[in-house]
Amino acid sequence: MKGQLAGIARRESVMGPMIELEAAPVTRECGVAFDPRGLPGPRQVSILLERDWREVGFELRAQLPWTARRANLLISGLELPIYSREPYWLEIGDDLVLAVNGEMAPCWRMELEHEGLSSALALDWRCGRISSVVRSGYIQLGDRVQILNSPPEVTIPPGDD
């Protein structure tokens, strides 16, 4: 099953507003286009499923922009495992590979966006996934997204270790 990259966003400061992009570099060193939360670690890139966001909006009877969730990537047409402890990887476009590390928890800012948003997001991993960059790449809206069941071969250029 393949999905599609429906949104890309970053912030200029940790508490700053999300800025939507049409394309962006995503690197092992800086995450999505130098997002300040993109430092190496398990929460380097955040992922939201379009289907989950639509369900939350339906329950809240609200049409909120997906960037209200403050995620970096919005993916459509793909189901991702929930409650899974088994590792998996996402390939986006031709180069980017992310290791999905777990569930993203709703933060206090969600209630500032819309009353009840935190509790609506907390159900069935609808808040999104956290991930880290395994292989850097350049992505753009419309790129295909697919699940990989094993980690890809990664070649690290000399001097990057």
Protein backbone atom coordinates (compact mmCIF):
# COMPACT_ATOMS: atom_id res chain seq x y z
CA MET A 1 0.00 0.00 0.00
CA LYS A 2 1.29 3.44 -0.94
CA GLY A 3 0.26 6.84 0.26
CA GLN A 4 1.06 10.39 -0.72
CA LEU A 5 2.75 13.32 0.99
CA ALA A 6 -0.08 15.82 1.41
CA GLY A 7 1.65 18.42 3.60
CA ILE A 8 5.06 19.65 4.75
CA ALA A 9 5.55 22.16 7.56
CA ARG A 10 8.25 23.55 9.83
CA ARG A 11 8.59 26.22 12.46
CA GLU A 12 11.28 28.88 12.80
CA SER A 13 11.27 28.68 16.62
CA VAL A 14 10.02 26.01 19.01
CA MET A 15 6.92 27.98 19.97
CA GLY A 16 6.56 29.68 16.59
CA PRO A 17 3.77 29.18 14.06
CA MET A 18 3.95 26.36 11.54
CA ILE A 19 4.95 27.38 8.02
CA GLU A 20 3.69 25.22 5.16
CA LEU A 21 6.15 24.30 2.41
CA GLU A 22 5.79 22.80 -1.05
CA ALA A 23 9.17 21.08 -0.87
CA ALA A 24 11.97 20.73 1.68
CA PRO A 25 15.24 19.04 2.50
CA VAL A 26 14.99 16.57 5.39
CA THR A 27 18.33 15.66 6.92
CA ARG A 28 19.75 13.48 9.65
CA GLU A 29 21.30 16.57 11.22
CA CYS A 30 18.40 19.08 11.09
CA GLY A 31 15.10 17.30 10.36
CA VAL A 32 12.63 19.13 8.10
CA ALA A 33 14.17 22.28 6.60
CA PHE A 34 16.06 23.18 9.78
CA ASP A 35 13.02 22.96 12.08
CA PRO A 36 14.33 23.63 15.62
CA ARG A 37 12.75 20.36 16.80
CA GLY A 38 14.60 18.50 14.05
CA LEU A 39 17.73 17.68 16.02
CA PRO A 40 18.75 14.01 15.99
CA GLY A 41 16.63 11.87 18.31
CA PRO A 42 13.45 9.80 18.36
CA ARG A 43 11.17 12.85 17.84
CA GLN A 44 13.06 14.46 14.97
CA VAL A 45 10.17 14.46 12.46
CA SER A 46 6.49 14.30 13.41
CA ILE A 47 3.93 12.62 11.15
CA LEU A 48 0.16 13.06 11.00
CA LEU A 49 -2.25 10.93 8.96
CA GLU A 50 -4.81 12.91 7.01
CA ARG A 51 -7.52 10.34 7.80
CA ASP A 52 -6.92 10.71 11.55
CA TRP A 53 -7.07 14.52 11.31
CA ARG A 54 -10.36 14.34 9.38
CA GLU A 55 -11.85 12.02 12.05
CA VAL A 56 -10.82 14.40 14.82
CA GLY A 57 -12.35 17.35 12.98
CA PHE A 58 -15.58 15.43 12.42
CA GLU A 59 -15.83 14.54 16.13
CA LEU A 60 -15.17 18.13 17.17
CA ARG A 61 -17.41 19.54 14.44
CA ALA A 62 -14.56 21.81 13.41
CA GLN A 63 -12.45 22.33 10.32
CA LEU A 64 -9.00 23.07 11.67
CA PRO A 65 -5.94 23.40 9.44
CA TRP A 66 -3.68 20.36 9.77
CA THR A 67 -0.87 22.65 10.92
CA ALA A 68 -2.81 23.25 14.15
CA ARG A 69 -1.50 19.80 15.16
CA ARG A 70 2.05 21.16 14.73
CA ALA A 71 3.25 18.10 12.82
CA ASN A 72 5.93 18.23 10.13
CA LEU A 73 4.41 15.85 7.59
CA LEU A 74 0.83 15.08 6.56
CA ILE A 75 0.31 11.74 4.80
CA SER A 76 -2.79 10.69 2.90
CA GLY A 77 -3.94 7.30 1.63
CA LEU A 78 -1.80 5.19 3.95
CA GLU A 79 -2.66 3.25 7.09
CA LEU A 80 0.10 3.02 9.70
CA PRO A 81 0.20 0.45 12.51
CA ILE A 82 -1.13 1.50 15.92
CA TYR A 83 -0.07 0.03 19.24
CA SER A 84 2.89 -1.52 17.41
CA ARG A 85 6.17 -2.27 19.08
CA GLU A 86 7.58 -3.68 15.86
CA PRO A 87 9.86 -1.24 14.06
CA TYR A 88 9.03 -0.04 10.58
CA TRP A 89 10.32 2.57 8.21
CA LEU A 90 8.70 5.01 5.80
CA GLU A 91 10.18 5.87 2.45
CA ILE A 92 9.07 9.25 1.11
CA GLY A 93 9.92 10.22 -2.44
CA ASP A 94 13.08 8.78 -3.94
CA ASP A 95 15.50 9.19 -1.04
CA LEU A 96 14.06 10.02 2.38
CA VAL A 97 13.68 7.18 4.89
CA LEU A 98 12.26 7.70 8.39
CA ALA A 99 12.32 5.21 11.27
CA VAL A 100 8.94 5.37 13.02
CA ASN A 101 9.68 5.37 16.75
CA GLY A 102 6.24 5.51 18.35
CA GLU A 103 3.21 7.57 19.16
CA MET A 104 3.21 11.31 19.54
CA ALA A 105 1.38 12.53 22.62
CA PRO A 106 -0.91 15.57 22.50
CA CYS A 107 0.60 18.61 24.17
CA TRP A 108 -1.04 21.42 26.15
CA ARG A 109 -1.07 23.64 23.06
CA MET A 110 -3.79 21.52 21.45
CA GLU A 111 -6.38 22.86 23.89
CA LEU A 112 -5.39 26.40 22.92
CA GLU A 113 -6.13 25.50 19.29
CA HIS A 114 -9.59 24.05 20.02
CA GLU A 115 -11.40 22.88 23.14
CA GLY A 116 -11.40 19.07 23.32
CA LEU A 117 -8.64 18.64 20.73
CA SER A 118 -6.21 16.94 23.15
CA SER A 119 -8.64 14.22 24.17
CA ALA A 120 -9.79 13.67 20.56
CA LEU A 121 -6.18 13.22 19.44
CA ALA A 122 -5.30 10.84 22.28
CA LEU A 123 -7.43 7.99 20.89
CA ASP A 124 -5.83 5.32 18.65
CA TRP A 125 -2.60 7.20 17.87
CA ARG A 126 -4.51 9.96 16.07
CA CYS A 127 -2.07 12.52 17.41
CA GLY A 128 0.55 11.12 15.04
CA ARG A 129 3.88 9.35 15.06
CA ILE A 130 7.37 10.41 15.97
CA SER A 131 10.26 9.44 13.75
CA SER A 132 13.94 9.93 13.10
CA VAL A 133 15.76 10.39 9.81
CA VAL A 134 17.60 7.27 8.64
CA ARG A 135 18.45 8.54 5.16
CA SER A 136 18.31 12.23 4.23
CA GLY A 137 16.37 13.34 1.18
CA TYR A 138 14.54 16.11 -0.59
CA ILE A 139 10.73 15.83 -0.50
CA GLN A 140 7.87 17.63 -2.21
CA LEU A 141 4.10 17.60 -2.05
CA GLY A 142 2.67 14.63 -3.92
CA ASP A 143 5.65 12.34 -3.27
CA ARG A 144 4.73 8.69 -2.74
CA VAL A 145 4.98 7.30 0.77
CA GLN A 146 5.38 3.60 1.49
CA ILE A 147 6.09 1.36 4.46
CA LEU A 148 9.35 -0.59 4.47
CA ASN A 149 9.48 -3.75 6.61
CA SER A 150 13.25 -3.72 6.95
CA PRO A 151 15.74 -0.90 7.29
CA PRO A 152 17.29 0.30 4.06
CA GLU A 153 20.98 0.17 3.28
CA VAL A 154 22.45 3.47 4.38
CA THR A 155 25.80 4.69 3.19
CA ILE A 156 27.31 7.45 5.30
CA PRO A 157 29.79 9.60 3.35
CA PRO A 158 33.33 9.76 4.80
CA GLY A 159 33.63 12.41 7.49
CA ASP A 160 29.89 12.34 8.40
CA ASP A 161 30.22 9.86 11.27
